[in-house]
Amino acid sequence: MTTRSALTHSLNTQHSTVAVLGLGYVGLPLAVACAEAGFSTIGIDINHNRVQSLRDGITGLPDLPNERLRGELQAGRLRVEHEMHALAEVDAVLICVPTPLNKTKEPDLSYVVNALRSVREHLHSPMLVVLESTTYPGFTREVALPLLEESGLTCGTDFCLAFSPERTDPGNQTFQVGNTPKIVGGITETCTDATRALYGQLIDTVHVVSSTDTAEMVKLLENTFRAVNIGLVNEVALMCRHLNIDTWEVIEAAKTKPFGFMPFYPGPGLGGHCIPIDPLYLSWKLRSHNYTARFIELAQTINASMPQFVVNMVGDGLNSQKKPLSGAKITILGVSYKPNVGDTRESPALEIMGLLARSGATVTYSDPLVETLQVDGQQYSHVGLVTAIEQCDAVVIATHHSDTDWALVVEKAPLIIDTRNATAHLPLTEAQRAKVWRL
């Protein structure tokens, strides 16, 4: 049996050791899934505090119970490290590190490049390397491949390299690692076979594409689709505001059509680790081909304008009550980027807070999932819901956590800017309807 077929065979039968680099929202559930599938698994993260918390059995993730992590730790199928030397003993390594944007909104690939350099130092034959971190089309082939081959080993013969985009939806209790179909594209056919063998042990459906470039493009299409459609519905919300039409009623009516329509919903902007970022990877890459990704850039412009539009709504609402925005006390309800998670990455709530503060307002927030945060150098701390809404001039619903008492908010708050339609289900009195301003 050749070394390549031996690697595929061992991955097919769980007789391998798998490492996962990066133990956040993507990497930790994947590491636990590998362990539960029977692989000897090593989770690696350079954050010492994160490693210690995981060793104590605390996931910090709403959709991954502590009991699942503790079960794999106690069974000895999973261990957590912060040193890269553990890579020397693995048969496969899955890279799940962040790929954010820098201050000029261009891709920051330093985390994934540093991870690849660490892998190169411990690369051996046979070994499988899979990138899950989002990149632009061509990155695996143009950057990762030559970097790893600097080791003197040859891809497809001595080691395998593939791209398999993460499809994590933090907080989603229905679709998780095992039942979310996996896209796989290898540098060579051997690389694809080895990657399919690994993921086939822990994921129900593995869909193979012809190349790493294609797999990279799949990920960017998925999130560009969402970003562009959210941009469209955000612009519809702006139109409806001008025309004095209820945006949410329009969407609810449109989605009764059983074909040709998929509902998207407006909001205060885009947040998270994917949707606001991934389309810009694609438009950035295309600039090197003298091509302007017009839909992407237009959607980005509209989505990026929404925090200011929300602030304008706050000002208009206060004006209707003969109050100025400068000097007003404004409470933001929910500062994470999506409901029921504590992640504030790219959250539009932070931009809204900054804009309000620069307009002279006194800003507080209430979000039990985010104890503290910093905006424009200013430190903020979570304030309890009752205190927050009783001591303010206006409330902005930026994120609609499911356990928030919206009836209490409507009862107590003097003015509500509802960017998420969180109050739609409540039977409002005429006076309450007057103080609820919906996006």
Protein backbone atom coordinates (compact mmCIF):
# COMPACT_ATOMS: atom_id res chain seq x y z
CA MET A 1 0.00 0.00 0.00
CA THR A 2 1.43 3.41 -0.98
CA THR A 3 1.76 6.18 1.59
CA ARG A 4 -1.04 8.09 -0.14
CA SER A 5 -3.46 5.16 -0.10
CA ALA A 6 -2.40 4.35 3.47
CA LEU A 7 -3.38 7.87 4.53
CA THR A 8 -6.78 7.60 2.84
CA HIS A 9 -7.33 4.17 4.36
CA SER A 10 -6.48 5.34 7.88
CA LEU A 11 -8.78 8.36 7.52
CA ASN A 12 -11.55 6.08 6.29
CA THR A 13 -11.23 3.91 9.38
CA GLN A 14 -10.56 6.59 12.05
CA HIS A 15 -7.06 5.13 12.64
CA SER A 16 -5.60 8.62 12.50
CA THR A 17 -4.82 11.61 14.67
CA VAL A 18 -6.44 14.87 13.62
CA ALA A 19 -5.46 18.36 14.74
CA VAL A 20 -7.71 21.41 14.56
CA LEU A 21 -5.96 24.80 14.58
CA GLY A 22 -8.15 27.52 16.08
CA LEU A 23 -10.80 26.64 18.66
CA GLY A 24 -13.43 29.30 18.19
CA TYR A 25 -16.96 29.11 16.77
CA VAL A 26 -15.70 27.03 13.83
CA GLY A 27 -12.81 24.97 15.13
CA LEU A 28 -14.13 23.78 18.49
CA PRO A 29 -17.35 22.15 17.21
CA LEU A 30 -15.29 20.56 14.44
CA ALA A 31 -12.73 19.21 16.91
CA VAL A 32 -15.48 17.74 19.10
CA ALA A 33 -17.13 16.19 16.03
CA CYS A 34 -13.81 14.59 15.00
CA ALA A 35 -13.41 13.12 18.47
CA GLU A 36 -16.99 11.87 18.57
CA ALA A 37 -16.41 10.17 15.19
CA GLY A 38 -13.57 8.16 16.76
CA PHE A 39 -10.50 10.11 15.69
CA SER A 40 -7.78 10.86 18.20
CA THR A 41 -8.09 14.64 18.15
CA ILE A 42 -5.85 17.50 19.25
CA GLY A 43 -7.31 21.00 19.46
CA ILE A 44 -4.71 23.77 19.25
CA ASP A 45 -5.21 27.44 20.08
CA ILE A 46 -2.55 30.07 20.79
CA ASN A 47 -4.78 31.79 23.37
CA HIS A 48 -3.66 30.37 26.74
CA ASN A 49 -6.83 31.51 28.53
CA ARG A 50 -8.99 29.86 25.89
CA VAL A 51 -7.02 26.62 26.21
CA GLN A 52 -7.39 26.59 29.98
CA SER A 53 -11.13 27.25 29.76
CA LEU A 54 -11.53 24.36 27.32
CA ARG A 55 -9.46 22.06 29.50
CA ASP A 56 -11.89 22.93 32.29
CA GLY A 57 -14.72 21.78 30.02
CA ILE A 58 -16.20 25.21 29.27
CA THR A 59 -17.05 25.67 25.57
CA GLY A 60 -18.33 29.25 25.72
CA LEU A 61 -20.54 28.43 22.71
CA PRO A 62 -24.35 28.42 22.89
CA ASP A 63 -24.75 25.54 20.43
CA LEU A 64 -22.07 23.26 21.92
CA PRO A 65 -22.99 22.01 25.41
CA ASN A 66 -20.17 21.70 27.93
CA GLU A 67 -21.15 18.06 28.43
CA ARG A 68 -20.13 17.13 24.88
CA LEU A 69 -16.69 18.67 25.30
CA ARG A 70 -16.18 17.12 28.73
CA GLY A 71 -17.24 13.71 27.46
CA GLU A 72 -14.52 13.69 24.78
CA LEU A 73 -11.87 15.09 27.15
CA GLN A 74 -12.64 12.45 29.78
CA ALA A 75 -12.68 9.66 27.19
CA GLY A 76 -9.21 10.72 26.05
CA ARG A 77 -10.30 11.19 22.44
CA LEU A 78 -9.70 14.96 22.60
CA ARG A 79 -6.94 17.00 24.18
CA VAL A 80 -6.35 20.74 24.01
CA GLU A 81 -2.94 22.35 23.50
CA HIS A 82 -1.47 25.79 22.83
CA GLU A 83 1.85 24.62 21.38
CA MET A 84 2.27 23.81 17.70
CA HIS A 85 4.74 20.99 18.27
CA ALA A 86 1.74 18.69 18.69
CA LEU A 87 1.43 18.83 14.88
CA ALA A 88 4.39 16.49 14.59
CA GLU A 89 2.23 13.55 15.66
CA VAL A 90 -0.87 14.13 13.52
CA ASP A 91 -2.04 12.65 10.24
CA ALA A 92 -4.35 15.53 9.32
CA VAL A 93 -4.61 19.19 10.31
CA LEU A 94 -7.68 21.36 9.79
CA ILE A 95 -7.00 25.12 9.83
CA CYS A 96 -9.85 27.18 11.31
CA VAL A 97 -8.24 30.51 12.18
CA PRO A 98 -9.76 33.98 11.58
CA THR A 99 -9.43 35.79 8.25
CA PRO A 100 -10.76 39.28 9.06
CA LEU A 101 -10.46 42.57 7.21
CA ASN A 102 -7.86 45.18 8.10
CA LYS A 103 -8.60 48.85 8.75
CA THR A 104 -8.73 49.61 5.03
CA LYS A 105 -11.28 46.80 4.44
CA GLU A 106 -8.76 44.55 2.70
CA PRO A 107 -8.18 40.85 3.57
CA ASP A 108 -5.97 40.19 6.57
CA LEU A 109 -4.57 36.72 5.92
CA SER A 110 -1.82 36.91 8.54
CA TYR A 111 -3.52 34.38 10.84
CA VAL A 112 -3.85 31.71 8.17
CA VAL A 113 -0.36 32.35 6.78
CA ASN A 114 1.13 32.02 10.26
CA ALA A 115 -0.83 28.80 10.76
CA LEU A 116 0.49 27.43 7.46
CA ARG A 117 4.05 28.30 8.50
CA SER A 118 3.56 26.37 11.73
CA VAL A 119 2.24 23.40 9.77
CA ARG A 120 5.20 23.60 7.39
CA GLU A 121 7.60 23.28 10.32
CA HIS A 122 6.00 19.95 11.24
CA LEU A 123 4.90 18.73 7.80
CA HIS A 124 5.64 15.07 7.18
CA SER A 125 4.69 12.24 4.87
CA PRO A 126 1.90 11.26 4.73
CA MET A 127 -0.14 14.19 6.03
CA LEU A 128 -3.37 15.96 5.04
CA VAL A 129 -3.72 19.75 5.37
CA VAL A 130 -7.18 21.30 4.96
CA LEU A 131 -7.98 25.01 4.98
CA GLU A 132 -11.42 25.85 6.36
CA SER A 133 -10.71 29.54 6.93
CA THR A 134 -12.31 31.79 4.30
CA THR A 135 -9.92 33.00 1.60
CA TYR A 136 -10.17 34.40 -1.92
CA PRO A 137 -10.28 32.10 -4.99
CA GLY A 138 -6.74 30.96 -5.72
CA PHE A 139 -5.28 31.38 -2.23
CA THR A 140 -4.85 27.65 -1.52
CA ARG A 141 -3.15 27.06 -4.87
CA GLU A 142 -1.15 30.30 -5.09
CA VAL A 143 -0.12 30.86 -1.46
CA ALA A 144 -0.69 27.77 0.71
CA LEU A 145 0.72 25.23 -1.78
CA PRO A 146 4.11 26.87 -2.44
CA LEU A 147 4.48 27.78 1.23
CA LEU A 148 4.03 24.15 2.31
CA GLU A 149 6.25 22.83 -0.49
CA GLU A 150 9.08 24.97 0.87
CA SER A 151 9.43 22.04 3.28
CA GLY A 152 10.86 19.99 0.42
CA LEU A 153 7.81 17.71 0.33
CA THR A 154 5.59 17.44 -2.75
CA CYS A 155 1.82 17.90 -2.70
CA GLY A 156 -0.09 14.88 -3.97
CA THR A 157 2.87 12.59 -3.33
CA ASP A 158 4.21 13.32 0.16
CA PHE A 159 1.29 15.31 1.57
CA CYS A 160 -2.23 16.32 0.60
CA LEU A 161 -3.74 19.83 0.52
CA ALA A 162 -7.40 20.82 0.14
CA PHE A 163 -9.86 23.59 0.80
CA SER A 164 -13.17 22.88 2.55
CA PRO A 165 -15.05 26.03 3.55
CA GLU A 166 -16.58 26.25 6.99
CA ARG A 167 -20.35 26.64 7.05
CA THR A 168 -20.82 27.36 10.74
CA ASP A 169 -23.89 29.26 11.91
CA PRO A 170 -23.26 30.12 15.59
CA GLY A 171 -26.29 29.53 17.77
CA ASN A 172 -28.05 27.33 15.21
CA GLN A 173 -29.46 24.34 17.08
CA THR A 174 -30.69 22.60 13.92
CA PHE A 175 -27.76 22.64 11.50
CA GLN A 176 -24.41 21.81 13.03
CA VAL A 177 -21.24 20.02 11.91
CA GLY A 178 -22.69 16.59 11.22
CA ASN A 179 -25.75 17.48 9.17
CA THR A 180 -24.43 20.48 7.22
CA PRO A 181 -23.17 19.28 3.81
CA LYS A 182 -19.41 19.75 3.32
CA ILE A 183 -17.74 21.12 0.20
CA VAL A 184 -14.35 19.59 -0.63
CA GLY A 185 -11.84 20.53 -3.31
CA GLY A 186 -8.26 19.22 -3.41
CA ILE A 187 -5.11 20.30 -5.22
CA THR A 188 -4.95 16.82 -6.76
CA GLU A 189 -7.36 13.91 -7.01
CA THR A 190 -5.42 12.17 -4.24
CA CYS A 191 -5.86 15.23 -2.03
CA THR A 192 -9.60 15.26 -2.70
CA ASP A 193 -9.91 11.55 -1.90
CA ALA A 194 -8.09 11.90 1.40
CA THR A 195 -10.19 14.91 2.43
CA ARG A 196 -13.42 13.18 1.48
CA ALA A 197 -12.33 10.15 3.51
CA LEU A 198 -11.80 12.28 6.61
CA TYR A 199 -15.00 14.33 6.46
CA GLY A 200 -17.03 11.32 5.41
CA GLN A 201 -16.51 9.90 8.91
CA LEU A 202 -18.16 12.83 10.68
CA ILE A 203 -20.44 14.58 8.17
CA ASP A 204 -23.52 13.08 6.51
CA THR A 205 -22.97 14.58 3.03
CA VAL A 206 -19.67 15.46 1.36
CA HIS A 207 -19.90 17.27 -1.98
CA VAL A 208 -16.74 17.18 -4.09
CA VAL A 209 -15.85 20.00 -6.49
CA SER A 210 -13.17 20.06 -9.15
CA SER A 211 -10.58 22.34 -7.52
CA THR A 212 -9.62 24.38 -4.49
CA ASP A 213 -10.44 27.55 -6.46
CA THR A 214 -14.00 26.30 -6.97
CA ALA A 215 -14.38 25.40 -3.29
CA GLU A 216 -13.15 28.86 -2.31
CA MET A 217 -15.62 30.48 -4.70
CA VAL A 218 -18.51 28.42 -3.29
CA LYS A 219 -17.99 29.94 0.14
CA LEU A 220 -17.86 33.46 -1.22
CA LEU A 221 -20.97 32.94 -3.35
CA GLU A 222 -22.96 31.70 -0.35
CA ASN A 223 -22.25 34.77 1.74
CA THR A 224 -22.29 37.23 -1.16
CA PHE A 225 -25.78 35.96 -1.95
CA ARG A 226 -26.86 36.84 1.57
CA ALA A 227 -25.06 40.19 1.70
CA VAL A 228 -26.50 41.34 -1.64
CA ASN A 229 -30.05 40.29 -0.77
CA ILE A 230 -29.82 41.93 2.64
CA GLY A 231 -28.55 45.05 0.88
CA LEU A 232 -31.59 44.88 -1.42
CA VAL A 233 -34.10 44.56 1.40
CA ASN A 234 -32.33 47.29 3.37
CA GLU A 235 -32.80 49.59 0.39
CA VAL A 236 -36.45 48.52 0.20
CA ALA A 237 -36.75 49.57 3.85
CA LEU A 238 -35.32 52.98 2.95
CA MET A 239 -37.77 53.25 0.07
CA CYS A 240 -40.70 52.26 2.26
CA ARG A 241 -39.69 54.89 4.80
CA HIS A 242 -39.90 57.56 2.11
CA LEU A 243 -43.25 56.20 0.87
CA ASN A 244 -44.75 55.74 4.36
CA ILE A 245 -45.24 52.00 3.80
CA ASP A 246 -44.69 49.26 6.42
CA THR A 247 -41.60 47.32 5.22
CA TRP A 248 -42.40 44.27 7.33
CA GLU A 249 -45.97 44.03 6.05
CA VAL A 250 -44.64 44.12 2.48
CA ILE A 251 -42.20 41.27 3.18
CA GLU A 252 -44.81 39.15 4.97
CA ALA A 253 -47.17 39.54 2.03
CA ALA A 254 -44.49 38.85 -0.59
CA LYS A 255 -43.38 35.62 1.06
CA THR A 256 -46.85 34.10 0.61
CA LYS A 257 -45.81 33.52 -3.01
CA PRO A 258 -44.84 29.81 -3.14
CA PHE A 259 -42.21 30.26 -5.86
CA GLY A 260 -39.73 32.83 -7.11
CA PHE A 261 -39.35 34.69 -3.79
CA MET A 262 -37.13 34.13 -0.75
CA PRO A 263 -37.64 36.46 2.23
CA PHE A 264 -34.75 38.50 3.60
CA TYR A 265 -35.17 41.04 6.36
CA PRO A 266 -33.78 44.55 6.91
CA GLY A 267 -31.71 45.48 9.91
CA PRO A 268 -29.28 48.01 11.36
CA GLY A 269 -26.37 46.67 9.30
CA LEU A 270 -24.33 43.51 8.84
CA GLY A 271 -22.30 41.76 11.53
CA GLY A 272 -20.44 38.55 12.25
CA HIS A 273 -17.41 36.74 10.96
CA CYS A 274 -18.69 35.99 7.43
CA ILE A 275 -21.39 38.05 5.72
CA PRO A 276 -19.84 41.53 6.12
CA ILE A 277 -16.37 40.20 5.28
CA ASP A 278 -16.43 37.40 2.71
CA PRO A 279 -17.88 39.38 -0.24
CA LEU A 280 -15.09 41.92 0.17
CA TYR A 281 -12.52 39.13 -0.25
CA LEU A 282 -14.05 38.47 -3.65
CA SER A 283 -14.23 42.11 -4.76
CA TRP A 284 -10.65 42.66 -3.55
CA LYS A 285 -9.39 39.70 -5.57
CA LEU A 286 -11.22 40.82 -8.69
CA ARG A 287 -9.56 44.25 -8.62
CA SER A 288 -6.33 42.49 -9.59
CA HIS A 289 -8.19 41.32 -12.72
CA ASN A 290 -9.38 44.89 -13.51
CA TYR A 291 -12.95 43.87 -12.70
CA THR A 292 -15.33 45.80 -10.45
CA ALA A 293 -17.76 43.66 -8.47
CA ARG A 294 -20.57 46.19 -8.74
CA PHE A 295 -23.32 44.28 -6.94
CA ILE A 296 -21.02 43.55 -4.01
CA GLU A 297 -19.79 47.10 -3.67
CA LEU A 298 -23.29 48.57 -3.96
CA ALA A 299 -24.64 46.16 -1.34
CA GLN A 300 -21.68 47.02 0.90
CA THR A 301 -22.46 50.74 0.53
CA ILE A 302 -26.13 50.27 1.45
CA ASN A 303 -25.48 47.89 4.34
CA ALA A 304 -22.73 50.13 5.73
CA SER A 305 -25.11 53.10 5.67
CA MET A 306 -27.72 51.47 7.90
CA PRO A 307 -26.21 52.41 11.30
CA GLN A 308 -26.36 56.09 10.33
CA PHE A 309 -29.94 55.62 9.13
CA VAL A 310 -30.84 54.15 12.52
CA VAL A 311 -29.23 57.11 14.28
CA ASN A 312 -31.26 59.42 12.05
CA MET A 313 -34.40 57.55 13.11
CA VAL A 314 -33.45 58.10 16.76
CA GLY A 315 -33.08 61.82 16.08
CA ASP A 316 -36.42 61.99 14.26
CA GLY A 317 -38.15 60.06 17.02
CA LEU A 318 -36.78 62.35 19.71
CA ASN A 319 -37.71 65.41 17.67
CA SER A 320 -41.30 64.13 17.52
CA GLN A 321 -41.25 64.28 21.33
CA LYS A 322 -39.61 67.73 21.32
CA LYS A 323 -36.29 66.35 22.59
CA PRO A 324 -32.84 66.89 21.03
CA LEU A 325 -30.46 64.02 20.27
CA SER A 326 -27.56 65.86 21.90
CA GLY A 327 -27.77 65.23 25.62
CA ALA A 328 -30.34 62.43 25.25
CA LYS A 329 -29.90 59.15 27.12
CA ILE A 330 -30.03 56.28 24.64
CA THR A 331 -30.05 52.57 25.50
CA ILE A 332 -29.03 49.93 22.95
CA LEU A 333 -30.79 46.60 23.47
CA GLY A 334 -28.55 43.80 22.18
CA VAL A 335 -25.01 44.49 21.01
CA SER A 336 -23.98 41.10 19.62
CA TYR A 337 -24.18 40.68 15.86
CA LYS A 338 -27.04 38.15 15.96
CA PRO A 339 -29.62 36.87 18.46
CA ASN A 340 -28.68 34.54 21.31
CA VAL A 341 -24.89 34.68 20.89
CA GLY A 342 -22.32 36.83 22.66
CA ASP A 343 -20.17 37.59 19.61
CA THR A 344 -19.80 41.30 18.78
CA ARG A 345 -17.56 40.94 15.72
CA GLU A 346 -18.54 43.56 13.12
CA SER A 347 -21.78 44.16 15.03
CA PRO A 348 -23.64 47.21 13.69
CA ALA A 349 -24.71 47.99 17.26
CA LEU A 350 -21.16 49.15 17.99
CA GLU A 351 -21.22 51.56 15.05
CA ILE A 352 -24.59 52.88 16.21
CA MET A 353 -23.21 53.43 19.71
CA GLY A 354 -20.23 55.32 18.33
CA LEU A 355 -22.37 57.50 16.07
CA LEU A 356 -24.77 58.33 18.91
CA ALA A 357 -21.92 59.22 21.27
CA ARG A 358 -20.35 61.49 18.65
CA SER A 359 -23.74 63.18 18.26
CA GLY A 360 -23.67 64.13 21.92
CA ALA A 361 -25.93 61.41 23.31
CA THR A 362 -25.20 59.49 26.50
CA VAL A 363 -25.16 55.83 25.50
CA THR A 364 -25.66 52.68 27.56
CA TYR A 365 -26.43 49.11 26.51
CA SER A 366 -28.21 46.07 27.88
CA ASP A 367 -27.07 42.65 26.69
CA PRO A 368 -26.61 39.85 29.25
CA LEU A 369 -24.46 37.90 26.77
CA VAL A 370 -21.88 40.72 26.51
CA GLU A 371 -20.66 41.88 29.91
CA THR A 372 -18.29 44.58 28.67
CA LEU A 373 -17.18 46.11 25.40
CA GLN A 374 -15.17 49.00 24.04
CA VAL A 375 -16.30 51.44 21.34
CA ASP A 376 -14.03 54.24 20.08
CA GLY A 377 -11.84 53.84 23.15
CA GLN A 378 -14.81 54.17 25.52
CA GLN A 379 -15.47 51.30 27.94
CA TYR A 380 -19.10 50.19 28.41
CA SER A 381 -20.70 47.61 30.70
CA HIS A 382 -23.99 45.74 30.51
CA VAL A 383 -26.86 47.37 32.38
CA GLY A 384 -29.87 45.38 33.54
CA LEU A 385 -32.95 45.64 31.33
CA VAL A 386 -35.25 47.40 33.80
CA THR A 387 -32.65 49.99 34.79
CA ALA A 388 -31.66 50.54 31.17
CA ILE A 389 -35.14 51.28 29.86
CA GLU A 390 -36.36 53.30 32.84
CA GLN A 391 -33.43 55.73 32.76
CA CYS A 392 -33.37 56.63 29.08
CA ASP A 393 -35.04 58.85 26.52
CA ALA A 394 -35.03 56.22 23.79
CA VAL A 395 -34.29 52.54 23.22
CA VAL A 396 -32.75 51.10 20.06
CA ILE A 397 -33.45 47.41 19.50
CA ALA A 398 -30.32 46.41 17.63
CA THR A 399 -30.32 42.65 18.38
CA HIS A 400 -33.43 40.68 19.35
CA HIS A 401 -32.37 38.06 21.89
CA SER A 402 -35.20 35.57 22.37
CA ASP A 403 -35.38 35.88 26.16
CA THR A 404 -35.85 39.67 26.22
CA ASP A 405 -39.15 40.80 27.74
CA TRP A 406 -40.39 42.91 24.84
CA ALA A 407 -43.71 43.65 26.52
CA LEU A 408 -41.81 45.24 29.40
CA VAL A 409 -39.72 47.26 26.95
CA VAL A 410 -42.84 48.60 25.23
CA GLU A 411 -44.46 49.37 28.56
CA LYS A 412 -41.51 51.21 30.14
CA ALA A 413 -39.48 52.81 27.34
CA PRO A 414 -40.51 56.32 26.26
CA LEU A 415 -39.41 55.78 22.62
CA ILE A 416 -38.45 52.57 20.81
CA ILE A 417 -36.52 52.33 17.55
CA ASP A 418 -37.18 48.72 16.54
CA THR A 419 -34.70 47.69 13.84
CA ARG A 420 -35.58 43.97 14.09
CA ASN A 421 -39.40 43.96 14.19
CA ALA A 422 -39.06 42.47 17.66
CA THR A 423 -42.26 44.11 18.90
CA ALA A 424 -44.48 43.04 16.00
CA HIS A 425 -46.09 40.17 17.91
CA LEU A 426 -47.29 42.40 20.75
CA PRO A 427 -50.85 43.76 20.96
CA LEU A 428 -50.02 47.46 21.20
CA THR A 429 -52.29 50.22 22.38
CA GLU A 430 -52.61 53.36 20.29
CA ALA A 431 -50.22 55.20 22.61
CA GLN A 432 -47.68 52.38 22.39
CA ARG A 433 -47.87 52.26 18.60
CA ALA A 434 -47.05 55.96 18.53
CA LYS A 435 -43.77 55.43 20.40
CA VAL A 436 -42.61 52.34 18.47
CA TRP A 437 -40.72 53.31 15.30
CA ARG A 438 -39.94 50.32 13.09
CA LEU A 439 -37.26 50.16 10.44
